[in-house]
Amino acid sequence: MATIASQGSGKTSEVCVAMQLMANTFKKYTGPTKNYLTPKEFETFMNTEFNNFMKVQPPGTLQNILKDMDSNMDNKVEFGEMFNLIMGMLDACYVLFLKNIPKQPC
């Protein structure tokens, strides 16, 4: 099966590799049979993938993030909703990345 990163010819771009990594990481938490995260799976995702960020957050932050990002209010986190969260975090951290602060500022 072809992946985003292996489409076309020539060297795979870093952006395509990043896209495939994001999709694969999401699937790691959803499992093979569904395309969404439950609130518990979302908690595991955040505490694993954004460990440094979550360590410094006040109580209730995770529930607030879930409420804000669940755009269709179905109590599930779909890939598009997760992607919007990650892009928002990237946008917020972009200036920090540019200043060469250690690799995990968020």
PDB file of N, CA and C in Angstrom:
ATOM      1  N   MET A   1       0.834  -1.168   0.000  1.00  0.00           N
ATOM      2  CA  MET A   1       0.000   0.000   0.000  1.00  0.00           C
ATOM      3  C   MET A   1       0.886   1.240   0.000  1.00  0.00           C
ATOM      4  N   ALA A   2       0.588   2.182  -0.850  1.00  0.00           N
ATOM      5  CA  ALA A   2       1.354   3.423  -0.947  1.00  0.00           C
ATOM      6  C   ALA A   2       1.011   4.332   0.220  1.00  0.00           C
ATOM      7  N   THR A   3       2.001   5.105   0.620  1.00  0.00           N
ATOM      8  CA  THR A   3       1.793   6.086   1.678  1.00  0.00           C
ATOM      9  C   THR A   3       1.979   7.473   1.099  1.00  0.00           C
ATOM     10  N   ILE A   4       1.591   8.472   1.862  1.00  0.00           N
ATOM     11  CA  ILE A   4       1.783   9.853   1.425  1.00  0.00           C
ATOM     12  C   ILE A   4       3.249  10.096   1.107  1.00  0.00           C
ATOM     13  N   ALA A   5       4.123   9.598   1.981  1.00  0.00           N
ATOM     14  CA  ALA A   5       5.553   9.853   1.829  1.00  0.00           C
ATOM     15  C   ALA A   5       6.166   9.135   0.634  1.00  0.00           C
ATOM     16  N   SER A   6       5.519   8.081   0.122  1.00  0.00           N
ATOM     17  CA  SER A   6       6.120   7.331  -0.978  1.00  0.00           C
ATOM     18  C   SER A   6       5.495   7.632  -2.326  1.00  0.00           C
ATOM     19  N   GLN A   7       4.580   8.573  -2.402  1.00  0.00           N
ATOM     20  CA  GLN A   7       3.942   8.910  -3.670  1.00  0.00           C
ATOM     21  C   GLN A   7       4.938   9.625  -4.587  1.00  0.00           C
ATOM     22  N   GLY A   8       4.778   9.419  -5.870  1.00  0.00           N
ATOM     23  CA  GLY A   8       5.621  10.113  -6.843  1.00  0.00           C
ATOM     24  C   GLY A   8       7.010   9.522  -6.916  1.00  0.00           C
ATOM     25  N   SER A   9       7.909  10.320  -7.459  1.00  0.00           N
ATOM     26  CA  SER A   9       9.275   9.835  -7.597  1.00  0.00           C
ATOM     27  C   SER A   9      10.227  10.826  -6.953  1.00  0.00           C
ATOM     28  N   GLY A  10      11.441  10.385  -6.763  1.00  0.00           N
ATOM     29  CA  GLY A  10      12.439  11.256  -6.180  1.00  0.00           C
ATOM     30  C   GLY A  10      12.417  11.232  -4.664  1.00  0.00           C
ATOM     31  N   LYS A  11      13.176  12.147  -4.090  1.00  0.00           N
ATOM     32  CA  LYS A  11      13.318  12.229  -2.640  1.00  0.00           C
ATOM     33  C   LYS A  11      12.002  12.676  -1.997  1.00  0.00           C
ATOM     34  N   THR A  12      11.635  12.023  -0.917  1.00  0.00           N
ATOM     35  CA  THR A  12      10.432  12.379  -0.183  1.00  0.00           C
ATOM     36  C   THR A  12      10.683  13.655   0.607  1.00  0.00           C
ATOM     37  N   SER A  13       9.764  14.586   0.523  1.00  0.00           N
ATOM     38  CA  SER A  13       9.944  15.849   1.239  1.00  0.00           C
ATOM     39  C   SER A  13       9.728  15.652   2.729  1.00  0.00           C
ATOM     40  N   GLU A  14      10.323  16.523   3.506  1.00  0.00           N
ATOM     41  CA  GLU A  14      10.162  16.476   4.953  1.00  0.00           C
ATOM     42  C   GLU A  14       8.707  16.726   5.359  1.00  0.00           C
ATOM     43  N   VAL A  15       8.003  17.566   4.603  1.00  0.00           N
ATOM     44  CA  VAL A  15       6.595  17.833   4.913  1.00  0.00           C
ATOM     45  C   VAL A  15       5.763  16.570   4.711  1.00  0.00           C
ATOM     46  N   CYS A  16       6.016  15.842   3.629  1.00  0.00           N
ATOM     47  CA  CYS A  16       5.281  14.592   3.396  1.00  0.00           C
ATOM     48  C   CYS A  16       5.583  13.559   4.488  1.00  0.00           C
ATOM     49  N   VAL A  17       6.827  13.486   4.898  1.00  0.00           N
ATOM     50  CA  VAL A  17       7.193  12.577   5.985  1.00  0.00           C
ATOM     51  C   VAL A  17       6.475  12.983   7.269  1.00  0.00           C
ATOM     52  N   ALA A  18       6.418  14.275   7.558  1.00  0.00           N
ATOM     53  CA  ALA A  18       5.725  14.769   8.751  1.00  0.00           C
ATOM     54  C   ALA A  18       4.234  14.444   8.694  1.00  0.00           C
ATOM     55  N   MET A  19       3.631  14.591   7.522  1.00  0.00           N
ATOM     56  CA  MET A  19       2.205  14.273   7.365  1.00  0.00           C
ATOM     57  C   MET A  19       1.947  12.798   7.645  1.00  0.00           C
ATOM     58  N   GLN A  20       2.794  11.945   7.096  1.00  0.00           N
ATOM     59  CA  GLN A  20       2.632  10.508   7.314  1.00  0.00           C
ATOM     60  C   GLN A  20       2.837  10.166   8.781  1.00  0.00           C
ATOM     61  N   LEU A  21       3.807  10.803   9.416  1.00  0.00           N
ATOM     62  CA  LEU A  21       4.063  10.562  10.837  1.00  0.00           C
ATOM     63  C   LEU A  21       2.854  10.964  11.687  1.00  0.00           C
ATOM     64  N   MET A  22       2.243  12.094  11.364  1.00  0.00           N
ATOM     65  CA  MET A  22       1.061  12.519  12.104  1.00  0.00           C
ATOM     66  C   MET A  22      -0.087  11.524  11.932  1.00  0.00           C
ATOM     67  N   ALA A  23      -0.316  11.079  10.714  1.00  0.00           N
ATOM     68  CA  ALA A  23      -1.388  10.112  10.461  1.00  0.00           C
ATOM     69  C   ALA A  23      -1.113   8.796  11.185  1.00  0.00           C
ATOM     70  N   ASN A  24       0.118   8.316  11.119  1.00  0.00           N
ATOM     71  CA  ASN A  24       0.473   7.068  11.784  1.00  0.00           C
ATOM     72  C   ASN A  24       0.367   7.179  13.298  1.00  0.00           C
ATOM     73  N   THR A  25       0.769   8.322  13.841  1.00  0.00           N
ATOM     74  CA  THR A  25       0.685   8.529  15.282  1.00  0.00           C
ATOM     75  C   THR A  25      -0.772   8.534  15.732  1.00  0.00           C
ATOM     76  N   PHE A  26      -1.630   9.208  14.981  1.00  0.00           N
ATOM     77  CA  PHE A  26      -3.058   9.217  15.312  1.00  0.00           C
ATOM     78  C   PHE A  26      -3.600   7.786  15.313  1.00  0.00           C
ATOM     79  N   LYS A  27      -3.266   6.997  14.292  1.00  0.00           N
ATOM     80  CA  LYS A  27      -3.743   5.613  14.181  1.00  0.00           C
ATOM     81  C   LYS A  27      -3.224   4.751  15.325  1.00  0.00           C
ATOM     82  N   LYS A  28      -2.037   5.062  15.826  1.00  0.00           N
ATOM     83  CA  LYS A  28      -1.481   4.315  16.952  1.00  0.00           C
ATOM     84  C   LYS A  28      -2.414   4.388  18.159  1.00  0.00           C
ATOM     85  N   TYR A  29      -3.085   5.503  18.330  1.00  0.00           N
ATOM     86  CA  TYR A  29      -3.974   5.689  19.477  1.00  0.00           C
ATOM     87  C   TYR A  29      -5.422   5.286  19.189  1.00  0.00           C
ATOM     88  N   THR A  30      -5.855   5.339  17.941  1.00  0.00           N
ATOM     89  CA  THR A  30      -7.237   4.957  17.621  1.00  0.00           C
ATOM     90  C   THR A  30      -7.387   3.453  17.485  1.00  0.00           C
ATOM     91  N   GLY A  31      -6.323   2.785  17.121  1.00  0.00           N
ATOM     92  CA  GLY A  31      -6.402   1.365  16.827  1.00  0.00           C
ATOM     93  C   GLY A  31      -6.792   1.168  15.378  1.00  0.00           C
ATOM     94  N   PRO A  32      -6.797  -0.071  14.925  1.00  0.00           N
ATOM     95  CA  PRO A  32      -6.994  -0.353  13.490  1.00  0.00           C
ATOM     96  C   PRO A  32      -8.427  -0.236  12.989  1.00  0.00           C
ATOM     97  N   THR A  33      -9.415  -0.215  13.876  1.00  0.00           N
ATOM     98  CA  THR A  33     -10.792  -0.323  13.405  1.00  0.00           C
ATOM     99  C   THR A  33     -11.622   0.948  13.488  1.00  0.00           C
ATOM    100  N   LYS A  34     -11.084   2.026  14.051  1.00  0.00           N
ATOM    101  CA  LYS A  34     -11.885   3.243  14.134  1.00  0.00           C
ATOM    102  C   LYS A  34     -11.053   4.467  13.770  1.00  0.00           C
ATOM    103  N   ASN A  35     -11.724   5.568  13.504  1.00  0.00           N
ATOM    104  CA  ASN A  35     -11.053   6.781  13.043  1.00  0.00           C
ATOM    105  C   ASN A  35     -11.278   7.951  13.988  1.00  0.00           C
ATOM    106  N   TYR A  36     -11.311   7.683  15.267  1.00  0.00           N
ATOM    107  CA  TYR A  36     -11.480   8.734  16.262  1.00  0.00           C
ATOM    108  C   TYR A  36     -10.866   8.280  17.578  1.00  0.00           C
ATOM    109  N   LEU A  37     -10.613   9.240  18.450  1.00  0.00           N
ATOM    110  CA  LEU A  37     -10.147   8.954  19.802  1.00  0.00           C
ATOM    111  C   LEU A  37     -11.300   9.161  20.770  1.00  0.00           C
ATOM    112  N   THR A  38     -11.420   8.283  21.738  1.00  0.00           N
ATOM    113  CA  THR A  38     -12.345   8.499  22.840  1.00  0.00           C
ATOM    114  C   THR A  38     -11.696   9.518  23.787  1.00  0.00           C
ATOM    115  N   PRO A  39     -12.449  10.085  24.715  1.00  0.00           N
ATOM    116  CA  PRO A  39     -11.816  11.004  25.680  1.00  0.00           C
ATOM    117  C   PRO A  39     -10.641  10.363  26.422  1.00  0.00           C
ATOM    118  N   LYS A  40     -10.739   9.097  26.781  1.00  0.00           N
ATOM    119  CA  LYS A  40      -9.634   8.412  27.476  1.00  0.00           C
ATOM    120  C   LYS A  40      -8.426   8.250  26.550  1.00  0.00           C
ATOM    121  N   GLU A  41      -8.665   7.881  25.292  1.00  0.00           N
ATOM    122  CA  GLU A  41      -7.560   7.761  24.331  1.00  0.00           C
ATOM    123  C   GLU A  41      -6.924   9.122  24.074  1.00  0.00           C
ATOM    124  N   PHE A  42      -7.746  10.180  24.034  1.00  0.00           N
ATOM    125  CA  PHE A  42      -7.224  11.534  23.866  1.00  0.00           C
ATOM    126  C   PHE A  42      -6.326  11.902  25.042  1.00  0.00           C
ATOM    127  N   GLU A  43      -6.746  11.544  26.245  1.00  0.00           N
ATOM    128  CA  GLU A  43      -5.925  11.813  27.434  1.00  0.00           C
ATOM    129  C   GLU A  43      -4.580  11.090  27.327  1.00  0.00           C
ATOM    130  N   THR A  44      -4.615   9.834  26.916  1.00  0.00           N
ATOM    131  CA  THR A  44      -3.367   9.067  26.740  1.00  0.00           C
ATOM    132  C   THR A  44      -2.490   9.711  25.672  1.00  0.00           C
ATOM    133  N   PHE A  45      -3.095  10.105  24.554  1.00  0.00           N
ATOM    134  CA  PHE A  45      -2.359  10.774  23.479  1.00  0.00           C
ATOM    135  C   PHE A  45      -1.656  12.031  24.006  1.00  0.00           C
ATOM    136  N   MET A  46      -2.415  12.895  24.677  1.00  0.00           N
ATOM    137  CA  MET A  46      -1.849  14.156  25.160  1.00  0.00           C
ATOM    138  C   MET A  46      -0.750  13.927  26.192  1.00  0.00           C
ATOM    139  N   ASN A  47      -0.974  13.004  27.129  1.00  0.00           N
ATOM    140  CA  ASN A  47       0.016  12.758  28.180  1.00  0.00           C
ATOM    141  C   ASN A  47       1.260  12.055  27.659  1.00  0.00           C
ATOM    142  N   THR A  48       1.154  11.411  26.511  1.00  0.00           N
ATOM    143  CA  THR A  48       2.318  10.747  25.905  1.00  0.00           C
ATOM    144  C   THR A  48       3.015  11.657  24.900  1.00  0.00           C
ATOM    145  N   GLU A  49       2.266  12.177  23.947  1.00  0.00           N
ATOM    146  CA  GLU A  49       2.853  12.946  22.852  1.00  0.00           C
ATOM    147  C   GLU A  49       3.197  14.392  23.247  1.00  0.00           C
ATOM    148  N   PHE A  50       2.505  14.938  24.224  1.00  0.00           N
ATOM    149  CA  PHE A  50       2.755  16.316  24.687  1.00  0.00           C
ATOM    150  C   PHE A  50       3.045  16.311  26.181  1.00  0.00           C
ATOM    151  N   ASN A  51       3.868  15.367  26.596  1.00  0.00           N
ATOM    152  CA  ASN A  51       4.169  15.155  28.004  1.00  0.00           C
ATOM    153  C   ASN A  51       4.683  16.420  28.692  1.00  0.00           C
ATOM    154  N   ASN A  52       5.653  17.098  28.101  1.00  0.00           N
ATOM    155  CA  ASN A  52       6.217  18.299  28.725  1.00  0.00           C
ATOM    156  C   ASN A  52       5.178  19.403  28.858  1.00  0.00           C
ATOM    157  N   PHE A  53       4.333  19.551  27.873  1.00  0.00           N
ATOM    158  CA  PHE A  53       3.262  20.546  27.914  1.00  0.00           C
ATOM    159  C   PHE A  53       2.269  20.221  29.023  1.00  0.00           C
ATOM    160  N   MET A  54       1.851  18.953  29.086  1.00  0.00           N
ATOM    161  CA  MET A  54       0.825  18.570  30.049  1.00  0.00           C
ATOM    162  C   MET A  54       1.319  18.647  31.490  1.00  0.00           C
ATOM    163  N   LYS A  55       2.617  18.436  31.706  1.00  0.00           N
ATOM    164  CA  LYS A  55       3.165  18.482  33.071  1.00  0.00           C
ATOM    165  C   LYS A  55       2.986  19.840  33.734  1.00  0.00           C
ATOM    166  N   VAL A  56       2.928  20.897  32.948  1.00  0.00           N
ATOM    167  CA  VAL A  56       2.872  22.248  33.523  1.00  0.00           C
ATOM    168  C   VAL A  56       1.483  22.876  33.425  1.00  0.00           C
ATOM    169  N   GLN A  57       0.488  22.105  33.052  1.00  0.00           N
ATOM    170  CA  GLN A  57      -0.859  22.638  32.899  1.00  0.00           C
ATOM    171  C   GLN A  57      -1.654  22.502  34.196  1.00  0.00           C
ATOM    172  N   PRO A  58      -2.515  23.465  34.476  1.00  0.00           N
ATOM    173  CA  PRO A  58      -3.361  23.356  35.679  1.00  0.00           C
ATOM    174  C   PRO A  58      -4.426  22.279  35.498  1.00  0.00           C
ATOM    175  N   PRO A  59      -4.984  21.812  36.610  1.00  0.00           N
ATOM    176  CA  PRO A  59      -6.059  20.813  36.514  1.00  0.00           C
ATOM    177  C   PRO A  59      -7.201  21.334  35.633  1.00  0.00           C
ATOM    178  N   GLY A  60      -7.793  20.437  34.894  1.00  0.00           N
ATOM    179  CA  GLY A  60      -8.913  20.796  34.038  1.00  0.00           C
ATOM    180  C   GLY A  60      -8.525  21.200  32.632  1.00  0.00           C
ATOM    181  N   THR A  61      -7.237  21.385  32.381  1.00  0.00           N
ATOM    182  CA  THR A  61      -6.788  21.813  31.049  1.00  0.00           C
ATOM    183  C   THR A  61      -7.176  20.805  29.980  1.00  0.00           C
ATOM    184  N   LEU A  62      -6.965  19.542  30.246  1.00  0.00           N
ATOM    185  CA  LEU A  62      -7.265  18.502  29.261  1.00  0.00           C
ATOM    186  C   LEU A  62      -8.748  18.508  28.889  1.00  0.00           C
ATOM    187  N   GLN A  63      -9.615  18.632  29.871  1.00  0.00           N
ATOM    188  CA  GLN A  63     -11.050  18.658  29.602  1.00  0.00           C
ATOM    189  C   GLN A  63     -11.427  19.907  28.798  1.00  0.00           C
ATOM    190  N   ASN A  64     -10.791  21.037  29.109  1.00  0.00           N
ATOM    191  CA  ASN A  64     -11.058  22.266  28.352  1.00  0.00           C
ATOM    192  C   ASN A  64     -10.598  22.145  26.907  1.00  0.00           C
ATOM    193  N   ILE A  65      -9.435  21.540  26.690  1.00  0.00           N
ATOM    194  CA  ILE A  65      -8.933  21.338  25.328  1.00  0.00           C
ATOM    195  C   ILE A  65      -9.901  20.449  24.562  1.00  0.00           C
ATOM    196  N   LEU A  66     -10.311  19.353  25.175  1.00  0.00           N
ATOM    197  CA  LEU A  66     -11.228  18.421  24.513  1.00  0.00           C
ATOM    198  C   LEU A  66     -12.540  19.120  24.159  1.00  0.00           C
ATOM    199  N   LYS A  67     -13.075  19.882  25.073  1.00  0.00           N
ATOM    200  CA  LYS A  67     -14.336  20.593  24.824  1.00  0.00           C
ATOM    201  C   LYS A  67     -14.190  21.585  23.678  1.00  0.00           C
ATOM    202  N   ASP A  68     -13.076  22.324  23.659  1.00  0.00           N
ATOM    203  CA  ASP A  68     -12.852  23.335  22.627  1.00  0.00           C
ATOM    204  C   ASP A  68     -12.619  22.731  21.246  1.00  0.00           C
ATOM    205  N   MET A  69     -11.949  21.596  21.194  1.00  0.00           N
ATOM    206  CA  MET A  69     -11.578  21.049  19.888  1.00  0.00           C
ATOM    207  C   MET A  69     -12.626  20.113  19.299  1.00  0.00           C
ATOM    208  N   ASP A  70     -13.565  19.641  20.096  1.00  0.00           N
ATOM    209  CA  ASP A  70     -14.598  18.729  19.600  1.00  0.00           C
ATOM    210  C   ASP A  70     -15.656  19.549  18.868  1.00  0.00           C
ATOM    211  N   SER A  71     -15.340  19.951  17.638  1.00  0.00           N
ATOM    212  CA  SER A  71     -16.154  20.910  16.897  1.00  0.00           C
ATOM    213  C   SER A  71     -17.581  20.441  16.636  1.00  0.00           C
ATOM    214  N   ASN A  72     -17.775  19.133  16.467  1.00  0.00           N
ATOM    215  CA  ASN A  72     -19.132  18.641  16.214  1.00  0.00           C
ATOM    216  C   ASN A  72     -19.800  18.096  17.483  1.00  0.00           C
ATOM    217  N   MET A  73     -19.154  18.262  18.610  1.00  0.00           N
ATOM    218  CA  MET A  73     -19.674  17.903  19.935  1.00  0.00           C
ATOM    219  C   MET A  73     -20.202  16.471  20.012  1.00  0.00           C
ATOM    220  N   ASP A  74     -19.421  15.527  19.446  1.00  0.00           N
ATOM    221  CA  ASP A  74     -19.821  14.119  19.494  1.00  0.00           C
ATOM    222  C   ASP A  74     -19.037  13.327  20.536  1.00  0.00           C
ATOM    223  N   ASN A  75     -18.234  14.029  21.346  1.00  0.00           N
ATOM    224  CA  ASN A  75     -17.414  13.417  22.394  1.00  0.00           C
ATOM    225  C   ASN A  75     -16.389  12.441  21.820  1.00  0.00           C
ATOM    226  N   LYS A  76     -15.961  12.715  20.585  1.00  0.00           N
ATOM    227  CA  LYS A  76     -14.918  11.946  19.912  1.00  0.00           C
ATOM    228  C   LYS A  76     -13.957  12.943  19.288  1.00  0.00           C
ATOM    229  N   VAL A  77     -12.691  12.559  19.197  1.00  0.00           N
ATOM    230  CA  VAL A  77     -11.695  13.403  18.545  1.00  0.00           C
ATOM    231  C   VAL A  77     -11.316  12.742  17.228  1.00  0.00           C
ATOM    232  N   GLU A  78     -11.749  13.358  16.130  1.00  0.00           N
ATOM    233  CA  GLU A  78     -11.424  12.853  14.806  1.00  0.00           C
ATOM    234  C   GLU A  78     -10.107  13.454  14.339  1.00  0.00           C
ATOM    235  N   PHE A  79      -9.557  12.895  13.271  1.00  0.00           N
ATOM    236  CA  PHE A  79      -8.239  13.333  12.811  1.00  0.00           C
ATOM    237  C   PHE A  79      -8.198  14.839  12.523  1.00  0.00           C
ATOM    238  N   GLY A  80      -9.203  15.366  11.845  1.00  0.00           N
ATOM    239  CA  GLY A  80      -9.213  16.803  11.532  1.00  0.00           C
ATOM    240  C   GLY A  80      -9.210  17.662  12.776  1.00  0.00           C
ATOM    241  N   GLU A  81      -9.941  17.228  13.794  1.00  0.00           N
ATOM    242  CA  GLU A  81      -9.951  17.974  15.052  1.00  0.00           C
ATOM    243  C   GLU A  81      -8.584  17.916  15.723  1.00  0.00           C
ATOM    244  N   MET A  82      -7.961  16.740  15.704  1.00  0.00           N
ATOM    245  CA  MET A  82      -6.624  16.596  16.295  1.00  0.00           C
ATOM    246  C   MET A  82      -5.606  17.416  15.511  1.00  0.00           C
ATOM    247  N   PHE A  83      -5.715  17.385  14.187  1.00  0.00           N
ATOM    248  CA  PHE A  83      -4.797  18.157  13.350  1.00  0.00           C
ATOM    249  C   PHE A  83      -4.913  19.647  13.674  1.00  0.00           C
ATOM    250  N   ASN A  84      -6.135  20.148  13.855  1.00  0.00           N
ATOM    251  CA  ASN A  84      -6.313  21.563  14.206  1.00  0.00           C
ATOM    252  C   ASN A  84      -5.653  21.896  15.531  1.00  0.00           C
ATOM    253  N   LEU A  85      -5.749  21.000  16.502  1.00  0.00           N
ATOM    254  CA  LEU A  85      -5.088  21.211  17.788  1.00  0.00           C
ATOM    255  C   LEU A  85      -3.578  21.288  17.613  1.00  0.00           C
ATOM    256  N   ILE A  86      -3.025  20.334  16.890  1.00  0.00           N
ATOM    257  CA  ILE A  86      -1.565  20.288  16.706  1.00  0.00           C
ATOM    258  C   ILE A  86      -1.086  21.521  15.944  1.00  0.00           C
ATOM    259  N   MET A  87      -1.816  21.920  14.922  1.00  0.00           N
ATOM    260  CA  MET A  87      -1.411  23.116  14.170  1.00  0.00           C
ATOM    261  C   MET A  87      -1.521  24.364  15.029  1.00  0.00           C
ATOM    262  N   GLY A  88      -2.529  24.439  15.885  1.00  0.00           N
ATOM    263  CA  GLY A  88      -2.641  25.566  16.800  1.00  0.00           C
ATOM    264  C   GLY A  88      -1.482  25.618  17.775  1.00  0.00           C
ATOM    265  N   MET A  89      -1.074  24.458  18.275  1.00  0.00           N
ATOM    266  CA  MET A  89       0.076  24.401  19.186  1.00  0.00           C
ATOM    267  C   MET A  89       1.358  24.772  18.441  1.00  0.00           C
ATOM    268  N   LEU A  90       1.510  24.295  17.219  1.00  0.00           N
ATOM    269  CA  LEU A  90       2.674  24.650  16.412  1.00  0.00           C
ATOM    270  C   LEU A  90       2.728  26.148  16.161  1.00  0.00           C
ATOM    271  N   ASP A  91       1.589  26.719  15.832  1.00  0.00           N
ATOM    272  CA  ASP A  91       1.524  28.155  15.598  1.00  0.00           C
ATOM    273  C   ASP A  91       1.917  28.928  16.851  1.00  0.00           C
ATOM    274  N   ALA A  92       1.405  28.505  17.996  1.00  0.00           N
ATOM    275  CA  ALA A  92       1.718  29.176  19.251  1.00  0.00           C
ATOM    276  C   ALA A  92       3.192  29.050  19.621  1.00  0.00           C
ATOM    277  N   CYS A  93       3.809  27.948  19.232  1.00  0.00           N
ATOM    278  CA  CYS A  93       5.208  27.696  19.587  1.00  0.00           C
ATOM    279  C   CYS A  93       6.198  28.122  18.508  1.00  0.00           C
ATOM    280  N   TYR A  94       5.721  28.559  17.374  1.00  0.00           N
ATOM    281  CA  TYR A  94       6.582  28.848  16.222  1.00  0.00           C
ATOM    282  C   TYR A  94       7.697  29.830  16.568  1.00  0.00           C
ATOM    283  N   VAL A  95       7.379  30.903  17.245  1.00  0.00           N
ATOM    284  CA  VAL A  95       8.395  31.900  17.609  1.00  0.00           C
ATOM    285  C   VAL A  95       9.444  31.272  18.508  1.00  0.00           C
ATOM    286  N   LEU A  96       9.017  30.409  19.415  1.00  0.00           N
ATOM    287  CA  LEU A  96       9.978  29.733  20.289  1.00  0.00           C
ATOM    288  C   LEU A  96      10.898  28.816  19.493  1.00  0.00           C
ATOM    289  N   PHE A  97      10.328  28.101  18.518  1.00  0.00           N
ATOM    290  CA  PHE A  97      11.152  27.242  17.670  1.00  0.00           C
ATOM    291  C   PHE A  97      12.201  28.073  16.933  1.00  0.00           C
ATOM    292  N   LEU A  98      11.825  29.236  16.446  1.00  0.00           N
ATOM    293  CA  LEU A  98      12.744  30.083  15.696  1.00  0.00           C
ATOM    294  C   LEU A  98      13.887  30.601  16.552  1.00  0.00           C
ATOM    295  N   LYS A  99      13.649  30.742  17.841  1.00  0.00           N
ATOM    296  CA  LYS A  99      14.691  31.243  18.745  1.00  0.00           C
ATOM    297  C   LYS A  99      15.620  30.135  19.219  1.00  0.00           C
ATOM    298  N   ASN A 100      15.464  28.938  18.669  1.00  0.00           N
ATOM    299  CA  ASN A 100      16.316  27.790  19.016  1.00  0.00           C
ATOM    300  C   ASN A 100      16.265  27.430  20.489  1.00  0.00           C
ATOM    301  N   ILE A 101      15.116  27.602  21.096  1.00  0.00           N
ATOM    302  CA  ILE A 101      14.920  27.112  22.455  1.00  0.00           C
ATOM    303  C   ILE A 101      14.903  25.602  22.356  1.00  0.00           C
ATOM    304  N   PRO A 102      15.268  24.897  23.412  1.00  0.00           N
ATOM    305  CA  PRO A 102      15.307  23.421  23.319  1.00  0.00           C
ATOM    306  C   PRO A 102      14.093  22.846  22.598  1.00  0.00           C
ATOM    307  N   LYS A 103      14.281  21.702  21.998  1.00  0.00           N
ATOM    308  CA  LYS A 103      13.327  21.111  21.067  1.00  0.00           C
ATOM    309  C   LYS A 103      11.930  20.884  21.624  1.00  0.00           C
ATOM    310  N   GLN A 104      11.705  20.969  22.932  1.00  0.00           N
ATOM    311  CA  GLN A 104      10.394  20.682  23.492  1.00  0.00           C
ATOM    312  C   GLN A 104       9.862  21.884  24.274  1.00  0.00           C
ATOM    313  N   PRO A 105       9.681  23.059  23.631  1.00  0.00           N
ATOM    314  CA  PRO A 105       9.202  24.234  24.359  1.00  0.00           C
ATOM    315  C   PRO A 105       7.734  24.175  24.717  1.00  0.00           C
ATOM    316  N   CYS A 106       6.988  23.312  24.062  1.00  0.00           N
ATOM    317  CA  CYS A 106       5.529  23.264  24.310  1.00  0.00           C
ATOM    318  C   CYS A 106       5.216  22.162  25.249  1.00  0.00           C
TER     319      CYS A 106
END
